[in-house]
Amino acid sequence: MAEKLGEMAQGILDGLNEAIEHVKGKPSKVRTTTYVFADAKAIRERLGMSQSEFSRTYGIPLDTLQNWEQRRSHPDRTASAYLWAIEDLPRQIGEAQIRHRNSMSGTDALA
């Protein structure tokens, strides 16, 4: 470069070049974090449930479920954990939802 970069600008440029090298698959010092999201659609389909049935049974808003399934958004880590629990224990979690709804009847809780 014609001009000498300041220390901060040089650090930014070095970081960008390192990111480019990483994307190209070259060894770098880039630290990456990978998140695995639960596949709501696959879980629901394995359970043989419609979207509305799954939504109602497990207390997940239908539009949220549809957004996850159409990849417009992803479940966060807590929602992913809930989906994986549903996958492993569908009957027990469905029963727990029913017990919770029944215990909340007569209050202002959302059903």
PDB file of N, CA and C in Angstrom:
ATOM      1  N   MET A   1       0.839  -1.177   0.000  1.00  0.00           N
ATOM      2  CA  MET A   1       0.000   0.000   0.000  1.00  0.00           C
ATOM      3  C   MET A   1       0.884   1.240   0.000  1.00  0.00           C
ATOM      4  N   ALA A   2       0.376   2.274  -0.696  1.00  0.00           N
ATOM      5  CA  ALA A   2       1.151   3.506  -0.803  1.00  0.00           C
ATOM      6  C   ALA A   2       1.289   4.173   0.555  1.00  0.00           C
ATOM      7  N   GLU A   3       0.219   4.174   1.316  1.00  0.00           N
ATOM      8  CA  GLU A   3       0.252   4.788   2.638  1.00  0.00           C
ATOM      9  C   GLU A   3       0.497   3.723   3.691  1.00  0.00           C
ATOM     10  N   LYS A   4       1.193   4.105   4.729  1.00  0.00           N
ATOM     11  CA  LYS A   4       1.384   3.183   5.845  1.00  0.00           C
ATOM     12  C   LYS A   4       0.093   3.148   6.667  1.00  0.00           C
ATOM     13  N   LEU A   5      -0.398   1.929   6.898  1.00  0.00           N
ATOM     14  CA  LEU A   5      -1.634   1.773   7.669  1.00  0.00           C
ATOM     15  C   LEU A   5      -1.361   1.944   9.144  1.00  0.00           C
ATOM     16  N   GLY A   6      -2.347   2.484   9.816  1.00  0.00           N
ATOM     17  CA  GLY A   6      -2.261   2.558  11.265  1.00  0.00           C
ATOM     18  C   GLY A   6      -2.357   1.141  11.836  1.00  0.00           C
ATOM     19  N   GLU A   7      -2.032   0.986  13.092  1.00  0.00           N
ATOM     20  CA  GLU A   7      -2.028  -0.332  13.732  1.00  0.00           C
ATOM     21  C   GLU A   7      -3.414  -0.985  13.695  1.00  0.00           C
ATOM     22  N   MET A   8      -4.453  -0.211  13.953  1.00  0.00           N
ATOM     23  CA  MET A   8      -5.799  -0.777  13.938  1.00  0.00           C
ATOM     24  C   MET A   8      -6.204  -1.198  12.524  1.00  0.00           C
ATOM     25  N   ALA A   9      -5.936  -0.332  11.560  1.00  0.00           N
ATOM     26  CA  ALA A   9      -6.283  -0.656  10.174  1.00  0.00           C
ATOM     27  C   ALA A   9      -5.524  -1.888   9.702  1.00  0.00           C
ATOM     28  N   GLN A  10      -4.265  -2.002  10.080  1.00  0.00           N
ATOM     29  CA  GLN A  10      -3.466  -3.167   9.687  1.00  0.00           C
ATOM     30  C   GLN A  10      -4.024  -4.436  10.324  1.00  0.00           C
ATOM     31  N   GLY A  11      -4.463  -4.335  11.566  1.00  0.00           N
ATOM     32  CA  GLY A  11      -5.073  -5.487  12.238  1.00  0.00           C
ATOM     33  C   GLY A  11      -6.345  -5.935  11.541  1.00  0.00           C
ATOM     34  N   ILE A  12      -7.153  -4.976  11.110  1.00  0.00           N
ATOM     35  CA  ILE A  12      -8.388  -5.305  10.381  1.00  0.00           C
ATOM     36  C   ILE A  12      -8.054  -5.976   9.057  1.00  0.00           C
ATOM     37  N   LEU A  13      -7.107  -5.419   8.328  1.00  0.00           N
ATOM     38  CA  LEU A  13      -6.698  -5.995   7.051  1.00  0.00           C
ATOM     39  C   LEU A  13      -6.141  -7.403   7.233  1.00  0.00           C
ATOM     40  N   ASP A  14      -5.316  -7.595   8.249  1.00  0.00           N
ATOM     41  CA  ASP A  14      -4.772  -8.930   8.526  1.00  0.00           C
ATOM     42  C   ASP A  14      -5.894  -9.920   8.837  1.00  0.00           C
ATOM     43  N   GLY A  15      -6.872  -9.472   9.613  1.00  0.00           N
ATOM     44  CA  GLY A  15      -8.003 -10.338   9.950  1.00  0.00           C
ATOM     45  C   GLY A  15      -8.814 -10.720   8.726  1.00  0.00           C
ATOM     46  N   LEU A  16      -9.051  -9.762   7.852  1.00  0.00           N
ATOM     47  CA  LEU A  16      -9.786 -10.048   6.621  1.00  0.00           C
ATOM     48  C   LEU A  16      -9.025 -11.033   5.736  1.00  0.00           C
ATOM     49  N   ASN A  17      -7.723 -10.829   5.603  1.00  0.00           N
ATOM     50  CA  ASN A  17      -6.920 -11.754   4.795  1.00  0.00           C
ATOM     51  C   ASN A  17      -6.917 -13.155   5.398  1.00  0.00           C
ATOM     52  N   GLU A  18      -6.871 -13.244   6.710  1.00  0.00           N
ATOM     53  CA  GLU A  18      -6.916 -14.545   7.371  1.00  0.00           C
ATOM     54  C   GLU A  18      -8.270 -15.222   7.146  1.00  0.00           C
ATOM     55  N   ALA A  19      -9.346 -14.441   7.200  1.00  0.00           N
ATOM     56  CA  ALA A  19     -10.678 -14.996   6.943  1.00  0.00           C
ATOM     57  C   ALA A  19     -10.787 -15.515   5.512  1.00  0.00           C
ATOM     58  N   ILE A  20     -10.219 -14.787   4.562  1.00  0.00           N
ATOM     59  CA  ILE A  20     -10.231 -15.223   3.163  1.00  0.00           C
ATOM     60  C   ILE A  20      -9.478 -16.538   3.014  1.00  0.00           C
ATOM     61  N   GLU A  21      -8.339 -16.651   3.645  1.00  0.00           N
ATOM     62  CA  GLU A  21      -7.557 -17.891   3.592  1.00  0.00           C
ATOM     63  C   GLU A  21      -8.353 -19.054   4.193  1.00  0.00           C
ATOM     64  N   HIS A  22      -9.037 -18.779   5.281  1.00  0.00           N
ATOM     65  CA  HIS A  22      -9.849 -19.814   5.934  1.00  0.00           C
ATOM     66  C   HIS A  22     -10.963 -20.300   5.005  1.00  0.00           C
ATOM     67  N   VAL A  23     -11.651 -19.356   4.364  1.00  0.00           N
ATOM     68  CA  VAL A  23     -12.739 -19.706   3.449  1.00  0.00           C
ATOM     69  C   VAL A  23     -12.205 -20.541   2.287  1.00  0.00           C
ATOM     70  N   LYS A  24     -10.994 -20.263   1.863  1.00  0.00           N
ATOM     71  CA  LYS A  24     -10.381 -21.022   0.766  1.00  0.00           C
ATOM     72  C   LYS A  24      -9.896 -22.402   1.222  1.00  0.00           C
ATOM     73  N   GLY A  25     -10.023 -22.680   2.517  1.00  0.00           N
ATOM     74  CA  GLY A  25      -9.631 -23.989   3.038  1.00  0.00           C
ATOM     75  C   GLY A  25      -8.166 -24.090   3.415  1.00  0.00           C
ATOM     76  N   LYS A  26      -7.482 -22.988   3.442  1.00  0.00           N
ATOM     77  CA  LYS A  26      -6.064 -22.987   3.804  1.00  0.00           C
ATOM     78  C   LYS A  26      -5.924 -22.924   5.321  1.00  0.00           C
ATOM     79  N   PRO A  27      -4.843 -23.497   5.849  1.00  0.00           N
ATOM     80  CA  PRO A  27      -4.653 -23.462   7.309  1.00  0.00           C
ATOM     81  C   PRO A  27      -4.600 -22.015   7.810  1.00  0.00           C
ATOM     82  N   SER A  28      -5.260 -21.785   8.923  1.00  0.00           N
ATOM     83  CA  SER A  28      -5.248 -20.450   9.514  1.00  0.00           C
ATOM     84  C   SER A  28      -5.458 -20.577  11.011  1.00  0.00           C
ATOM     85  N   LYS A  29      -5.366 -19.435  11.658  1.00  0.00           N
ATOM     86  CA  LYS A  29      -5.580 -19.407  13.105  1.00  0.00           C
ATOM     87  C   LYS A  29      -7.032 -19.050  13.446  1.00  0.00           C
ATOM     88  N   VAL A  30      -7.905 -19.060  12.451  1.00  0.00           N
ATOM     89  CA  VAL A  30      -9.301 -18.698  12.666  1.00  0.00           C
ATOM     90  C   VAL A  30      -9.963 -19.712  13.586  1.00  0.00           C
ATOM     91  N   ARG A  31     -10.656 -19.214  14.573  1.00  0.00           N
ATOM     92  CA  ARG A  31     -11.406 -20.073  15.486  1.00  0.00           C
ATOM     93  C   ARG A  31     -12.853 -20.077  15.027  1.00  0.00           C
ATOM     94  N   THR A  32     -13.407 -21.247  14.857  1.00  0.00           N
ATOM     95  CA  THR A  32     -14.791 -21.342  14.400  1.00  0.00           C
ATOM     96  C   THR A  32     -15.641 -22.039  15.446  1.00  0.00           C
ATOM     97  N   THR A  33     -16.903 -21.679  15.448  1.00  0.00           N
ATOM     98  CA  THR A  33     -17.881 -22.321  16.310  1.00  0.00           C
ATOM     99  C   THR A  33     -19.007 -22.810  15.408  1.00  0.00           C
ATOM    100  N   THR A  34     -19.357 -24.062  15.540  1.00  0.00           N
ATOM    101  CA  THR A  34     -20.418 -24.633  14.724  1.00  0.00           C
ATOM    102  C   THR A  34     -21.598 -24.980  15.623  1.00  0.00           C
ATOM    103  N   TYR A  35     -22.760 -24.499  15.240  1.00  0.00           N
ATOM    104  CA  TYR A  35     -23.975 -24.828  15.969  1.00  0.00           C
ATOM    105  C   TYR A  35     -24.792 -25.802  15.136  1.00  0.00           C
ATOM    106  N   VAL A  36     -25.304 -26.807  15.777  1.00  0.00           N
ATOM    107  CA  VAL A  36     -26.177 -27.763  15.108  1.00  0.00           C
ATOM    108  C   VAL A  36     -27.591 -27.505  15.609  1.00  0.00           C
ATOM    109  N   PHE A  37     -28.481 -27.218  14.678  1.00  0.00           N
ATOM    110  CA  PHE A  37     -29.869 -26.963  15.030  1.00  0.00           C
ATOM    111  C   PHE A  37     -30.679 -28.237  14.835  1.00  0.00           C
ATOM    112  N   ALA A  38     -31.669 -28.429  15.679  1.00  0.00           N
ATOM    113  CA  ALA A  38     -32.575 -29.559  15.517  1.00  0.00           C
ATOM    114  C   ALA A  38     -33.349 -29.388  14.217  1.00  0.00           C
ATOM    115  N   ASP A  39     -33.608 -30.477  13.538  1.00  0.00           N
ATOM    116  CA  ASP A  39     -34.382 -30.455  12.301  1.00  0.00           C
ATOM    117  C   ASP A  39     -35.844 -30.714  12.655  1.00  0.00           C
ATOM    118  N   ALA A  40     -36.577 -29.642  12.876  1.00  0.00           N
ATOM    119  CA  ALA A  40     -37.964 -29.740  13.332  1.00  0.00           C
ATOM    120  C   ALA A  40     -38.820 -30.550  12.368  1.00  0.00           C
ATOM    121  N   LYS A  41     -38.627 -30.342  11.081  1.00  0.00           N
ATOM    122  CA  LYS A  41     -39.441 -31.048  10.095  1.00  0.00           C
ATOM    123  C   LYS A  41     -39.186 -32.548  10.150  1.00  0.00           C
ATOM    124  N   ALA A  42     -37.915 -32.941  10.213  1.00  0.00           N
ATOM    125  CA  ALA A  42     -37.585 -34.365  10.265  1.00  0.00           C
ATOM    126  C   ALA A  42     -38.148 -35.013  11.532  1.00  0.00           C
ATOM    127  N   ILE A  43     -38.045 -34.316  12.650  1.00  0.00           N
ATOM    128  CA  ILE A  43     -38.567 -34.847  13.913  1.00  0.00           C
ATOM    129  C   ILE A  43     -40.084 -35.017  13.816  1.00  0.00           C
ATOM    130  N   ARG A  44     -40.752 -33.967  13.328  1.00  0.00           N
ATOM    131  CA  ARG A  44     -42.215 -34.030  13.194  1.00  0.00           C
ATOM    132  C   ARG A  44     -42.640 -35.153  12.255  1.00  0.00           C
ATOM    133  N   GLU A  45     -41.956 -35.272  11.131  1.00  0.00           N
ATOM    134  CA  GLU A  45     -42.318 -36.315  10.166  1.00  0.00           C
ATOM    135  C   GLU A  45     -42.062 -37.712  10.724  1.00  0.00           C
ATOM    136  N   ARG A  46     -40.967 -37.888  11.484  1.00  0.00           N
ATOM    137  CA  ARG A  46     -40.714 -39.204  12.103  1.00  0.00           C
ATOM    138  C   ARG A  46     -41.820 -39.578  13.073  1.00  0.00           C
ATOM    139  N   LEU A  47     -42.420 -38.576  13.682  1.00  0.00           N
ATOM    140  CA  LEU A  47     -43.522 -38.826  14.617  1.00  0.00           C
ATOM    141  C   LEU A  47     -44.857 -38.984  13.895  1.00  0.00           C
ATOM    142  N   GLY A  48     -44.858 -38.750  12.585  1.00  0.00           N
ATOM    143  CA  GLY A  48     -46.074 -38.915  11.795  1.00  0.00           C
ATOM    144  C   GLY A  48     -47.155 -37.907  12.117  1.00  0.00           C
ATOM    145  N   MET A  49     -46.751 -36.680  12.436  1.00  0.00           N
ATOM    146  CA  MET A  49     -47.703 -35.647  12.832  1.00  0.00           C
ATOM    147  C   MET A  49     -47.767 -34.535  11.792  1.00  0.00           C
ATOM    148  N   SER A  50     -48.936 -33.924  11.670  1.00  0.00           N
ATOM    149  CA  SER A  50     -49.069 -32.730  10.837  1.00  0.00           C
ATOM    150  C   SER A  50     -48.428 -31.558  11.584  1.00  0.00           C
ATOM    151  N   GLN A  51     -48.210 -30.465  10.860  1.00  0.00           N
ATOM    152  CA  GLN A  51     -47.663 -29.281  11.520  1.00  0.00           C
ATOM    153  C   GLN A  51     -48.586 -28.781  12.624  1.00  0.00           C
ATOM    154  N   SER A  52     -49.863 -28.723  12.335  1.00  0.00           N
ATOM    155  CA  SER A  52     -50.799 -28.193  13.347  1.00  0.00           C
ATOM    156  C   SER A  52     -50.882 -29.117  14.562  1.00  0.00           C
ATOM    157  N   GLU A  53     -50.844 -30.423  14.330  1.00  0.00           N
ATOM    158  CA  GLU A  53     -50.887 -31.382  15.441  1.00  0.00           C
ATOM    159  C   GLU A  53     -49.628 -31.267  16.302  1.00  0.00           C
ATOM    160  N   PHE A  54     -48.477 -31.175  15.661  1.00  0.00           N
ATOM    161  CA  PHE A  54     -47.198 -31.050  16.379  1.00  0.00           C
ATOM    162  C   PHE A  54     -47.184 -29.746  17.178  1.00  0.00           C
ATOM    163  N   SER A  55     -47.627 -28.672  16.534  1.00  0.00           N
ATOM    164  CA  SER A  55     -47.671 -27.366  17.184  1.00  0.00           C
ATOM    165  C   SER A  55     -48.550 -27.400  18.428  1.00  0.00           C
ATOM    166  N   ARG A  56     -49.735 -27.942  18.281  1.00  0.00           N
ATOM    167  CA  ARG A  56     -50.698 -28.019  19.385  1.00  0.00           C
ATOM    168  C   ARG A  56     -50.191 -28.935  20.503  1.00  0.00           C
ATOM    169  N   THR A  57     -49.680 -30.089  20.129  1.00  0.00           N
ATOM    170  CA  THR A  57     -49.246 -31.074  21.117  1.00  0.00           C
ATOM    171  C   THR A  57     -48.093 -30.575  21.971  1.00  0.00           C
ATOM    172  N   TYR A  58     -47.138 -29.884  21.332  1.00  0.00           N
ATOM    173  CA  TYR A  58     -45.916 -29.507  22.048  1.00  0.00           C
ATOM    174  C   TYR A  58     -45.812 -28.020  22.377  1.00  0.00           C
ATOM    175  N   GLY A  59     -46.884 -27.270  22.122  1.00  0.00           N
ATOM    176  CA  GLY A  59     -46.906 -25.865  22.525  1.00  0.00           C
ATOM    177  C   GLY A  59     -45.958 -24.974  21.749  1.00  0.00           C
ATOM    178  N   ILE A  60     -45.725 -25.303  20.491  1.00  0.00           N
ATOM    179  CA  ILE A  60     -44.861 -24.491  19.638  1.00  0.00           C
ATOM    180  C   ILE A  60     -45.773 -23.724  18.687  1.00  0.00           C
ATOM    181  N   PRO A  61     -45.673 -22.401  18.653  1.00  0.00           N
ATOM    182  CA  PRO A  61     -46.529 -21.650  17.731  1.00  0.00           C
ATOM    183  C   PRO A  61     -46.376 -22.155  16.292  1.00  0.00           C
ATOM    184  N   LEU A  62     -47.490 -22.304  15.604  1.00  0.00           N
ATOM    185  CA  LEU A  62     -47.488 -22.862  14.253  1.00  0.00           C
ATOM    186  C   LEU A  62     -46.598 -22.062  13.311  1.00  0.00           C
ATOM    187  N   ASP A  63     -46.660 -20.726  13.385  1.00  0.00           N
ATOM    188  CA  ASP A  63     -45.828 -19.930  12.478  1.00  0.00           C
ATOM    189  C   ASP A  63     -44.341 -20.106  12.779  1.00  0.00           C
ATOM    190  N   THR A  64     -43.993 -20.311  14.041  1.00  0.00           N
ATOM    191  CA  THR A  64     -42.598 -20.570  14.404  1.00  0.00           C
ATOM    192  C   THR A  64     -42.140 -21.893  13.808  1.00  0.00           C
ATOM    193  N   LEU A  65     -42.957 -22.933  13.964  1.00  0.00           N
ATOM    194  CA  LEU A  65     -42.637 -24.244  13.403  1.00  0.00           C
ATOM    195  C   LEU A  65     -42.481 -24.154  11.889  1.00  0.00           C
ATOM    196  N   GLN A  66     -43.390 -23.453  11.231  1.00  0.00           N
ATOM    197  CA  GLN A  66     -43.311 -23.315   9.776  1.00  0.00           C
ATOM    198  C   GLN A  66     -42.042 -22.579   9.359  1.00  0.00           C
ATOM    199  N   ASN A  67     -41.666 -21.548  10.090  1.00  0.00           N
ATOM    200  CA  ASN A  67     -40.427 -20.834   9.781  1.00  0.00           C
ATOM    201  C   ASN A  67     -39.204 -21.734   9.931  1.00  0.00           C
ATOM    202  N   TRP A  68     -39.186 -22.564  10.968  1.00  0.00           N
ATOM    203  CA  TRP A  68     -38.077 -23.502  11.138  1.00  0.00           C
ATOM    204  C   TRP A  68     -38.033 -24.492   9.982  1.00  0.00           C
ATOM    205  N   GLU A  69     -39.196 -25.045   9.650  1.00  0.00           N
ATOM    206  CA  GLU A  69     -39.240 -26.072   8.612  1.00  0.00           C
ATOM    207  C   GLU A  69     -38.888 -25.517   7.236  1.00  0.00           C
ATOM    208  N   GLN A  70     -39.218 -24.273   6.991  1.00  0.00           N
ATOM    209  CA  GLN A  70     -38.920 -23.669   5.687  1.00  0.00           C
ATOM    210  C   GLN A  70     -37.587 -22.932   5.701  1.00  0.00           C
ATOM    211  N   ARG A  71     -36.839 -23.095   6.782  1.00  0.00           N
ATOM    212  CA  ARG A  71     -35.487 -22.548   6.937  1.00  0.00           C
ATOM    213  C   ARG A  71     -35.425 -21.021   6.854  1.00  0.00           C
ATOM    214  N   ARG A  72     -36.557 -20.374   7.183  1.00  0.00           N
ATOM    215  CA  ARG A  72     -36.538 -18.916   7.261  1.00  0.00           C
ATOM    216  C   ARG A  72     -35.874 -18.479   8.562  1.00  0.00           C
ATOM    217  N   SER A  73     -35.898 -19.371   9.541  1.00  0.00           N
ATOM    218  CA  SER A  73     -35.200 -19.156  10.808  1.00  0.00           C
ATOM    219  C   SER A  73     -34.833 -20.531  11.354  1.00  0.00           C
ATOM    220  N   HIS A  74     -34.021 -20.523  12.398  1.00  0.00           N
ATOM    221  CA  HIS A  74     -33.600 -21.776  13.028  1.00  0.00           C
ATOM    222  C   HIS A  74     -33.987 -21.739  14.497  1.00  0.00           C
ATOM    223  N   PRO A  75     -34.286 -22.896  15.067  1.00  0.00           N
ATOM    224  CA  PRO A  75     -34.527 -22.910  16.515  1.00  0.00           C
ATOM    225  C   PRO A  75     -33.236 -22.539  17.237  1.00  0.00           C
ATOM    226  N   ASP A  76     -33.331 -21.756  18.291  1.00  0.00           N
ATOM    227  CA  ASP A  76     -32.127 -21.452  19.057  1.00  0.00           C
ATOM    228  C   ASP A  76     -31.699 -22.701  19.830  1.00  0.00           C
ATOM    229  N   ARG A  77     -30.656 -22.584  20.618  1.00  0.00           N
ATOM    230  CA  ARG A  77     -30.120 -23.769  21.288  1.00  0.00           C
ATOM    231  C   ARG A  77     -31.105 -24.367  22.280  1.00  0.00           C
ATOM    232  N   THR A  78     -31.878 -23.521  22.967  1.00  0.00           N
ATOM    233  CA  THR A  78     -32.865 -24.026  23.917  1.00  0.00           C
ATOM    234  C   THR A  78     -33.996 -24.738  23.180  1.00  0.00           C
ATOM    235  N   ALA A  79     -34.489 -24.128  22.105  1.00  0.00           N
ATOM    236  CA  ALA A  79     -35.563 -24.756  21.324  1.00  0.00           C
ATOM    237  C   ALA A  79     -35.066 -26.048  20.682  1.00  0.00           C
ATOM    238  N   SER A  80     -33.815 -26.065  20.229  1.00  0.00           N
ATOM    239  CA  SER A  80     -33.253 -27.296  19.665  1.00  0.00           C
ATOM    240  C   SER A  80     -33.230 -28.404  20.713  1.00  0.00           C
ATOM    241  N   ALA A  81     -32.839 -28.053  21.930  1.00  0.00           N
ATOM    242  CA  ALA A  81     -32.818 -29.051  23.003  1.00  0.00           C
ATOM    243  C   ALA A  81     -34.228 -29.585  23.254  1.00  0.00           C
ATOM    244  N   TYR A  82     -35.231 -28.703  23.220  1.00  0.00           N
ATOM    245  CA  TYR A  82     -36.621 -29.122  23.404  1.00  0.00           C
ATOM    246  C   TYR A  82     -37.050 -30.052  22.275  1.00  0.00           C
ATOM    247  N   LEU A  83     -36.705 -29.715  21.034  1.00  0.00           N
ATOM    248  CA  LEU A  83     -37.057 -30.566  19.897  1.00  0.00           C
ATOM    249  C   LEU A  83     -36.394 -31.933  20.002  1.00  0.00           C
ATOM    250  N   TRP A  84     -35.136 -31.968  20.417  1.00  0.00           N
ATOM    251  CA  TRP A  84     -34.454 -33.262  20.569  1.00  0.00           C
ATOM    252  C   TRP A  84     -35.090 -34.080  21.693  1.00  0.00           C
ATOM    253  N   ALA A  85     -35.532 -33.391  22.751  1.00  0.00           N
ATOM    254  CA  ALA A  85     -36.233 -34.101  23.831  1.00  0.00           C
ATOM    255  C   ALA A  85     -37.552 -34.667  23.312  1.00  0.00           C
ATOM    256  N   ILE A  86     -38.274 -33.892  22.499  1.00  0.00           N
ATOM    257  CA  ILE A  86     -39.510 -34.391  21.884  1.00  0.00           C
ATOM    258  C   ILE A  86     -39.211 -35.625  21.041  1.00  0.00           C
ATOM    259  N   GLU A  87     -38.128 -35.565  20.288  1.00  0.00           N
ATOM    260  CA  GLU A  87     -37.753 -36.708  19.444  1.00  0.00           C
ATOM    261  C   GLU A  87     -37.523 -37.963  20.287  1.00  0.00           C
ATOM    262  N   ASP A  88     -36.872 -37.793  21.427  1.00  0.00           N
ATOM    263  CA  ASP A  88     -36.551 -38.942  22.285  1.00  0.00           C
ATOM    264  C   ASP A  88     -37.719 -39.381  23.165  1.00  0.00           C
ATOM    265  N   LEU A  89     -38.532 -38.437  23.606  1.00  0.00           N
ATOM    266  CA  LEU A  89     -39.604 -38.737  24.568  1.00  0.00           C
ATOM    267  C   LEU A  89     -40.925 -38.091  24.144  1.00  0.00           C
ATOM    268  N   PRO A  90     -41.414 -38.374  22.956  1.00  0.00           N
ATOM    269  CA  PRO A  90     -42.600 -37.658  22.456  1.00  0.00           C
ATOM    270  C   PRO A  90     -43.845 -37.834  23.322  1.00  0.00           C
ATOM    271  N   ARG A  91     -44.109 -39.047  23.768  1.00  0.00           N
ATOM    272  CA  ARG A  91     -45.309 -39.295  24.564  1.00  0.00           C
ATOM    273  C   ARG A  91     -45.227 -38.570  25.907  1.00  0.00           C
ATOM    274  N   GLN A  92     -44.094 -38.699  26.573  1.00  0.00           N
ATOM    275  CA  GLN A  92     -43.948 -38.092  27.899  1.00  0.00           C
ATOM    276  C   GLN A  92     -44.038 -36.568  27.830  1.00  0.00           C
ATOM    277  N   ILE A  93     -43.454 -35.978  26.813  1.00  0.00           N
ATOM    278  CA  ILE A  93     -43.493 -34.515  26.706  1.00  0.00           C
ATOM    279  C   ILE A  93     -44.902 -34.057  26.336  1.00  0.00           C
ATOM    280  N   GLY A  94     -45.567 -34.791  25.459  1.00  0.00           N
ATOM    281  CA  GLY A  94     -46.961 -34.474  25.138  1.00  0.00           C
ATOM    282  C   GLY A  94     -47.836 -34.541  26.376  1.00  0.00           C
ATOM    283  N   GLU A  95     -47.640 -35.568  27.203  1.00  0.00           N
ATOM    284  CA  GLU A  95     -48.414 -35.700  28.446  1.00  0.00           C
ATOM    285  C   GLU A  95     -48.090 -34.567  29.412  1.00  0.00           C
ATOM    286  N   ALA A  96     -46.832 -34.177  29.485  1.00  0.00           N
ATOM    287  CA  ALA A  96     -46.443 -33.062  30.363  1.00  0.00           C
ATOM    288  C   ALA A  96     -47.103 -31.767  29.909  1.00  0.00           C
ATOM    289  N   GLN A  97     -47.193 -31.557  28.598  1.00  0.00           N
ATOM    290  CA  GLN A  97     -47.870 -30.369  28.079  1.00  0.00           C
ATOM    291  C   GLN A  97     -49.342 -30.366  28.486  1.00  0.00           C
ATOM    292  N   ILE A  98     -49.987 -31.534  28.394  1.00  0.00           N
ATOM    293  CA  ILE A  98     -51.403 -31.648  28.783  1.00  0.00           C
ATOM    294  C   ILE A  98     -51.558 -31.344  30.278  1.00  0.00           C
ATOM    295  N   ARG A  99     -50.691 -31.940  31.103  1.00  0.00           N
ATOM    296  CA  ARG A  99     -50.763 -31.682  32.546  1.00  0.00           C
ATOM    297  C   ARG A  99     -50.589 -30.196  32.836  1.00  0.00           C
ATOM    298  N   HIS A 100     -49.654 -29.568  32.150  1.00  0.00           N
ATOM    299  CA  HIS A 100     -49.403 -28.137  32.374  1.00  0.00           C
ATOM    300  C   HIS A 100     -50.622 -27.310  31.961  1.00  0.00           C
ATOM    301  N   ARG A 101     -51.178 -27.610  30.790  1.00  0.00           N
ATOM    302  CA  ARG A 101     -52.361 -26.866  30.343  1.00  0.00           C
ATOM    303  C   ARG A 101     -53.524 -27.052  31.313  1.00  0.00           C
ATOM    304  N   ASN A 102     -53.716 -28.284  31.785  1.00  0.00           N
ATOM    305  CA  ASN A 102     -54.806 -28.560  32.725  1.00  0.00           C
ATOM    306  C   ASN A 102     -54.589 -27.832  34.048  1.00  0.00           C
ATOM    307  N   SER A 103     -53.358 -27.747  34.503  1.00  0.00           N
ATOM    308  CA  SER A 103     -53.090 -27.073  35.764  1.00  0.00           C
ATOM    309  C   SER A 103     -53.250 -25.565  35.644  1.00  0.00           C
ATOM    310  N   MET A 104     -53.147 -25.056  34.406  1.00  0.00           N
ATOM    311  CA  MET A 104     -53.279 -23.621  34.176  1.00  0.00           C
ATOM    312  C   MET A 104     -54.699 -23.229  33.830  1.00  0.00           C
ATOM    313  N   SER A 105     -55.612 -24.187  33.647  1.00  0.00           N
ATOM    314  CA  SER A 105     -56.986 -23.833  33.259  1.00  0.00           C
ATOM    315  C   SER A 105     -57.604 -22.974  34.347  1.00  0.00           C
ATOM    316  N   GLY A 106     -58.365 -22.008  33.891  1.00  0.00           N
ATOM    317  CA  GLY A 106     -58.979 -21.087  34.841  1.00  0.00           C
ATOM    318  C   GLY A 106     -58.105 -19.893  35.150  1.00  0.00           C
ATOM    319  N   THR A 107     -56.904 -19.830  34.554  1.00  0.00           N
ATOM    320  CA  THR A 107     -56.040 -18.665  34.747  1.00  0.00           C
ATOM    321  C   THR A 107     -55.906 -17.939  33.425  1.00  0.00           C
ATOM    322  N   ASP A 108     -55.106 -16.917  33.409  1.00  0.00           N
ATOM    323  CA  ASP A 108     -54.890 -16.134  32.193  1.00  0.00           C
ATOM    324  C   ASP A 108     -53.783 -16.724  31.320  1.00  0.00           C
ATOM    325  N   ALA A 109     -53.328 -17.935  31.616  1.00  0.00           N
ATOM    326  CA  ALA A 109     -52.247 -18.538  30.839  1.00  0.00           C
ATOM    327  C   ALA A 109     -52.697 -18.802  29.410  1.00  0.00           C
ATOM    328  N   LEU A 110     -51.762 -18.732  28.505  1.00  0.00           N
ATOM    329  CA  LEU A 110     -52.041 -19.058  27.099  1.00  0.00           C
ATOM    330  C   LEU A 110     -52.176 -20.560  26.939  1.00  0.00           C
ATOM    331  N   ALA A 111     -53.119 -20.984  26.167  1.00  0.00           N
ATOM    332  CA  ALA A 111     -53.315 -22.424  25.936  1.00  0.00           C
ATOM    333  C   ALA A 111     -52.617 -22.851  24.681  1.00  0.00           C
TER     334      ALA A 111
END
